[in-house]
């Protein structure tokens, strides 16, 4: 492979991938592209390897396209695990973080961090999140 001509410093490849994953138009185009390659005779396993998904997912997109056309490739809402905290509880956590310092809750820090917020959630609501989830919770706030 040759030496890269351009350098990207604004975002990491992982951050760019995350942006693309959250773009509905990009997701639809990617899924349609998978279906296109299958329609041209490529195997689901080959197409899956190009896009970094399972071959079963490619098969699912092809079936959804066959049943519902392009609309079948659109993201459906309500997927995934539901939050352990209600909207009201999240509002309370938000108010705690905005109106208090970590020291008010026995946390030895000047600023709120993911683990500090998780400690408050555990104390206030008895809900245990994994440390990796703390930053997703912060995004929800």
C-alpha atoms as a PDB file:
ATOM      1  CA  UNK A   1       0.000   0.000   0.000  1.00  0.00           C
ATOM      2  CA  UNK A   2       1.339   3.464  -0.889  1.00  0.00           C
ATOM      3  CA  UNK A   3       1.949   6.325   1.475  1.00  0.00           C
ATOM      4  CA  UNK A   4      -1.277   8.194   2.317  1.00  0.00           C
ATOM      5  CA  UNK A   5      -1.441  11.637   0.745  1.00  0.00           C
ATOM      6  CA  UNK A   6      -4.027  13.163   3.066  1.00  0.00           C
ATOM      7  CA  UNK A   7      -4.135  13.116   6.853  1.00  0.00           C
ATOM      8  CA  UNK A   8      -7.299  13.504   8.905  1.00  0.00           C
ATOM      9  CA  UNK A   9      -6.863  15.013  12.355  1.00  0.00           C
ATOM     10  CA  UNK A  10     -10.327  16.380  13.134  1.00  0.00           C
ATOM     11  CA  UNK A  11     -11.824  12.947  13.880  1.00  0.00           C
ATOM     12  CA  UNK A  12     -10.513   9.431  14.377  1.00  0.00           C
ATOM     13  CA  UNK A  13     -11.671   6.670  12.015  1.00  0.00           C
ATOM     14  CA  UNK A  14     -13.806   5.323  14.877  1.00  0.00           C
ATOM     15  CA  UNK A  15     -15.490   8.702  15.388  1.00  0.00           C
ATOM     16  CA  UNK A  16     -16.195   8.966  11.656  1.00  0.00           C
ATOM     17  CA  UNK A  17     -17.674   5.460  11.679  1.00  0.00           C
ATOM     18  CA  UNK A  18     -19.918   6.452  14.604  1.00  0.00           C
ATOM     19  CA  UNK A  19     -21.163   9.514  12.706  1.00  0.00           C
ATOM     20  CA  UNK A  20     -21.944   7.367   9.668  1.00  0.00           C
ATOM     21  CA  UNK A  21     -23.774   4.781  11.795  1.00  0.00           C
ATOM     22  CA  UNK A  22     -26.044   7.521  13.122  1.00  0.00           C
ATOM     23  CA  UNK A  23     -26.860   8.972   9.696  1.00  0.00           C
ATOM     24  CA  UNK A  24     -30.128   7.500   8.412  1.00  0.00           C
ATOM     25  CA  UNK A  25     -29.420   8.428   4.774  1.00  0.00           C
ATOM     26  CA  UNK A  26     -26.012   6.756   4.889  1.00  0.00           C
ATOM     27  CA  UNK A  27     -27.462   3.623   6.490  1.00  0.00           C
ATOM     28  CA  UNK A  28     -30.205   3.383   3.876  1.00  0.00           C
ATOM     29  CA  UNK A  29     -27.704   3.857   1.024  1.00  0.00           C
ATOM     30  CA  UNK A  30     -25.363   1.246   2.526  1.00  0.00           C
ATOM     31  CA  UNK A  31     -28.169  -1.294   2.882  1.00  0.00           C
ATOM     32  CA  UNK A  32     -29.361  -0.605  -0.656  1.00  0.00           C
ATOM     33  CA  UNK A  33     -25.788  -1.056  -1.870  1.00  0.00           C
ATOM     34  CA  UNK A  34     -25.642  -4.459  -0.155  1.00  0.00           C
ATOM     35  CA  UNK A  35     -28.870  -5.492  -1.888  1.00  0.00           C
ATOM     36  CA  UNK A  36     -27.492  -4.192  -5.201  1.00  0.00           C
ATOM     37  CA  UNK A  37     -24.349  -6.330  -4.939  1.00  0.00           C
ATOM     38  CA  UNK A  38     -26.419  -9.423  -4.101  1.00  0.00           C
ATOM     39  CA  UNK A  39     -28.656  -8.657  -7.107  1.00  0.00           C
ATOM     40  CA  UNK A  40     -25.494  -8.621  -9.269  1.00  0.00           C
ATOM     41  CA  UNK A  41     -24.680 -12.162  -8.139  1.00  0.00           C
ATOM     42  CA  UNK A  42     -22.330 -11.580  -5.200  1.00  0.00           C
ATOM     43  CA  UNK A  43     -22.734 -13.913  -2.234  1.00  0.00           C
ATOM     44  CA  UNK A  44     -24.101 -12.669   1.062  1.00  0.00           C
ATOM     45  CA  UNK A  45     -20.850 -13.723   2.749  1.00  0.00           C
ATOM     46  CA  UNK A  46     -18.733 -11.720   0.311  1.00  0.00           C
ATOM     47  CA  UNK A  47     -20.916  -8.622   0.644  1.00  0.00           C
ATOM     48  CA  UNK A  48     -20.940  -8.994   4.430  1.00  0.00           C
ATOM     49  CA  UNK A  49     -17.141  -9.027   4.528  1.00  0.00           C
ATOM     50  CA  UNK A  50     -17.000  -5.745   2.560  1.00  0.00           C
ATOM     51  CA  UNK A  51     -19.349  -3.955   4.946  1.00  0.00           C
ATOM     52  CA  UNK A  52     -18.269  -5.506   8.236  1.00  0.00           C
ATOM     53  CA  UNK A  53     -21.625  -7.121   9.001  1.00  0.00           C
ATOM     54  CA  UNK A  54     -22.737 -10.726   9.320  1.00  0.00           C
ATOM     55  CA  UNK A  55     -23.876 -12.597   6.218  1.00  0.00           C
ATOM     56  CA  UNK A  56     -27.182 -13.170   8.030  1.00  0.00           C
ATOM     57  CA  UNK A  57     -27.686  -9.405   8.236  1.00  0.00           C
ATOM     58  CA  UNK A  58     -27.165  -9.131   4.466  1.00  0.00           C
ATOM     59  CA  UNK A  59     -29.761 -11.872   3.966  1.00  0.00           C
ATOM     60  CA  UNK A  60     -32.156  -9.997   6.281  1.00  0.00           C
ATOM     61  CA  UNK A  61     -31.744  -6.762   4.260  1.00  0.00           C
ATOM     62  CA  UNK A  62     -32.361  -8.627   0.995  1.00  0.00           C
ATOM     63  CA  UNK A  63     -35.533 -10.219   2.412  1.00  0.00           C
ATOM     64  CA  UNK A  64     -36.770  -6.891   3.775  1.00  0.00           C
ATOM     65  CA  UNK A  65     -36.117  -5.268   0.395  1.00  0.00           C
ATOM     66  CA  UNK A  66     -37.987  -8.058  -1.396  1.00  0.00           C
ATOM     67  CA  UNK A  67     -40.979  -7.705   0.949  1.00  0.00           C
ATOM     68  CA  UNK A  68     -41.178  -3.913   1.345  1.00  0.00           C
ATOM     69  CA  UNK A  69     -38.904  -2.301  -1.235  1.00  0.00           C
ATOM     70  CA  UNK A  70     -36.652   0.570  -0.175  1.00  0.00           C
ATOM     71  CA  UNK A  71     -38.909   1.265   2.834  1.00  0.00           C
ATOM     72  CA  UNK A  72     -37.927  -2.144   4.193  1.00  0.00           C
ATOM     73  CA  UNK A  73     -34.326  -0.950   4.435  1.00  0.00           C
ATOM     74  CA  UNK A  74     -35.135   2.046   6.636  1.00  0.00           C
ATOM     75  CA  UNK A  75     -34.259   1.894  10.323  1.00  0.00           C
ATOM     76  CA  UNK A  76     -37.132   0.948  12.567  1.00  0.00           C
ATOM     77  CA  UNK A  77     -37.651   2.822  15.797  1.00  0.00           C
ATOM     78  CA  UNK A  78     -37.976   1.162  19.165  1.00  0.00           C
ATOM     79  CA  UNK A  79     -35.134  -1.266  18.624  1.00  0.00           C
ATOM     80  CA  UNK A  80     -32.691  -2.192  21.351  1.00  0.00           C
ATOM     81  CA  UNK A  81     -32.842  -2.525  25.079  1.00  0.00           C
ATOM     82  CA  UNK A  82     -34.963  -0.079  27.028  1.00  0.00           C
ATOM     83  CA  UNK A  83     -33.265   2.202  29.534  1.00  0.00           C
ATOM     84  CA  UNK A  84     -33.148   1.145  33.164  1.00  0.00           C
ATOM     85  CA  UNK A  85     -33.994   4.735  34.133  1.00  0.00           C
ATOM     86  CA  UNK A  86     -37.278   6.447  33.345  1.00  0.00           C
ATOM     87  CA  UNK A  87     -37.321   9.882  31.714  1.00  0.00           C
ATOM     88  CA  UNK A  88     -38.182  11.387  35.101  1.00  0.00           C
ATOM     89  CA  UNK A  89     -35.213   9.677  36.731  1.00  0.00           C
ATOM     90  CA  UNK A  90     -32.921  10.906  33.950  1.00  0.00           C
ATOM     91  CA  UNK A  91     -34.239  14.434  34.531  1.00  0.00           C
ATOM     92  CA  UNK A  92     -33.398  14.080  38.228  1.00  0.00           C
ATOM     93  CA  UNK A  93     -29.863  12.899  37.405  1.00  0.00           C
ATOM     94  CA  UNK A  94     -29.499  15.830  35.010  1.00  0.00           C
ATOM     95  CA  UNK A  95     -30.592  18.272  37.738  1.00  0.00           C
ATOM     96  CA  UNK A  96     -28.210  16.683  40.253  1.00  0.00           C
ATOM     97  CA  UNK A  97     -25.271  17.065  37.864  1.00  0.00           C
ATOM     98  CA  UNK A  98     -26.159  20.642  36.917  1.00  0.00           C
ATOM     99  CA  UNK A  99     -27.041  21.890  40.401  1.00  0.00           C
ATOM    100  CA  UNK A 100     -24.500  20.071  42.599  1.00  0.00           C
ATOM    101  CA  UNK A 101     -20.820  19.304  42.767  1.00  0.00           C
ATOM    102  CA  UNK A 102     -19.500  15.752  43.015  1.00  0.00           C
ATOM    103  CA  UNK A 103     -18.342  16.546  46.554  1.00  0.00           C
ATOM    104  CA  UNK A 104     -21.980  16.947  47.620  1.00  0.00           C
ATOM    105  CA  UNK A 105     -22.320  13.207  47.028  1.00  0.00           C
ATOM    106  CA  UNK A 106     -19.052  12.121  48.633  1.00  0.00           C
ATOM    107  CA  UNK A 107     -17.153  11.948  45.357  1.00  0.00           C
ATOM    108  CA  UNK A 108     -13.601  13.288  45.555  1.00  0.00           C
ATOM    109  CA  UNK A 109     -13.549  15.228  42.270  1.00  0.00           C
ATOM    110  CA  UNK A 110     -13.991  18.801  41.083  1.00  0.00           C
ATOM    111  CA  UNK A 111     -15.979  17.853  37.982  1.00  0.00           C
ATOM    112  CA  UNK A 112     -18.520  15.189  37.216  1.00  0.00           C
ATOM    113  CA  UNK A 113     -17.236  12.088  35.451  1.00  0.00           C
ATOM    114  CA  UNK A 114     -18.948   8.993  34.105  1.00  0.00           C
ATOM    115  CA  UNK A 115     -18.094   6.849  37.143  1.00  0.00           C
ATOM    116  CA  UNK A 116     -19.236   9.627  39.486  1.00  0.00           C
ATOM    117  CA  UNK A 117     -22.597   9.862  37.758  1.00  0.00           C
ATOM    118  CA  UNK A 118     -22.961   6.070  37.939  1.00  0.00           C
ATOM    119  CA  UNK A 119     -22.337   6.207  41.700  1.00  0.00           C
ATOM    120  CA  UNK A 120     -25.151   8.755  42.113  1.00  0.00           C
ATOM    121  CA  UNK A 121     -27.503   6.669  39.952  1.00  0.00           C
ATOM    122  CA  UNK A 122     -26.747   3.584  42.065  1.00  0.00           C
ATOM    123  CA  UNK A 123     -27.335   5.495  45.325  1.00  0.00           C
ATOM    124  CA  UNK A 124     -30.461   7.332  44.168  1.00  0.00           C
ATOM    125  CA  UNK A 125     -32.219   4.621  42.145  1.00  0.00           C
ATOM    126  CA  UNK A 126     -30.461   1.331  42.931  1.00  0.00           C
ATOM    127  CA  UNK A 127     -29.597   0.865  39.261  1.00  0.00           C
ATOM    128  CA  UNK A 128     -26.196  -0.590  38.385  1.00  0.00           C
ATOM    129  CA  UNK A 129     -24.736   0.360  35.002  1.00  0.00           C
ATOM    130  CA  UNK A 130     -21.464  -0.871  33.552  1.00  0.00           C
ATOM    131  CA  UNK A 131     -18.750   1.814  33.451  1.00  0.00           C
ATOM    132  CA  UNK A 132     -18.787   1.798  29.645  1.00  0.00           C
ATOM    133  CA  UNK A 133     -22.451   2.871  29.716  1.00  0.00           C
ATOM    134  CA  UNK A 134     -21.742   6.069  31.651  1.00  0.00           C
ATOM    135  CA  UNK A 135     -20.858   8.074  28.574  1.00  0.00           C
ATOM    136  CA  UNK A 136     -23.987   6.944  26.732  1.00  0.00           C
ATOM    137  CA  UNK A 137     -25.977   8.157  29.726  1.00  0.00           C
ATOM    138  CA  UNK A 138     -24.187  11.501  29.564  1.00  0.00           C
ATOM    139  CA  UNK A 139     -25.162  11.775  25.886  1.00  0.00           C
ATOM    140  CA  UNK A 140     -28.791  11.140  26.871  1.00  0.00           C
ATOM    141  CA  UNK A 141     -28.674  14.018  29.323  1.00  0.00           C
END
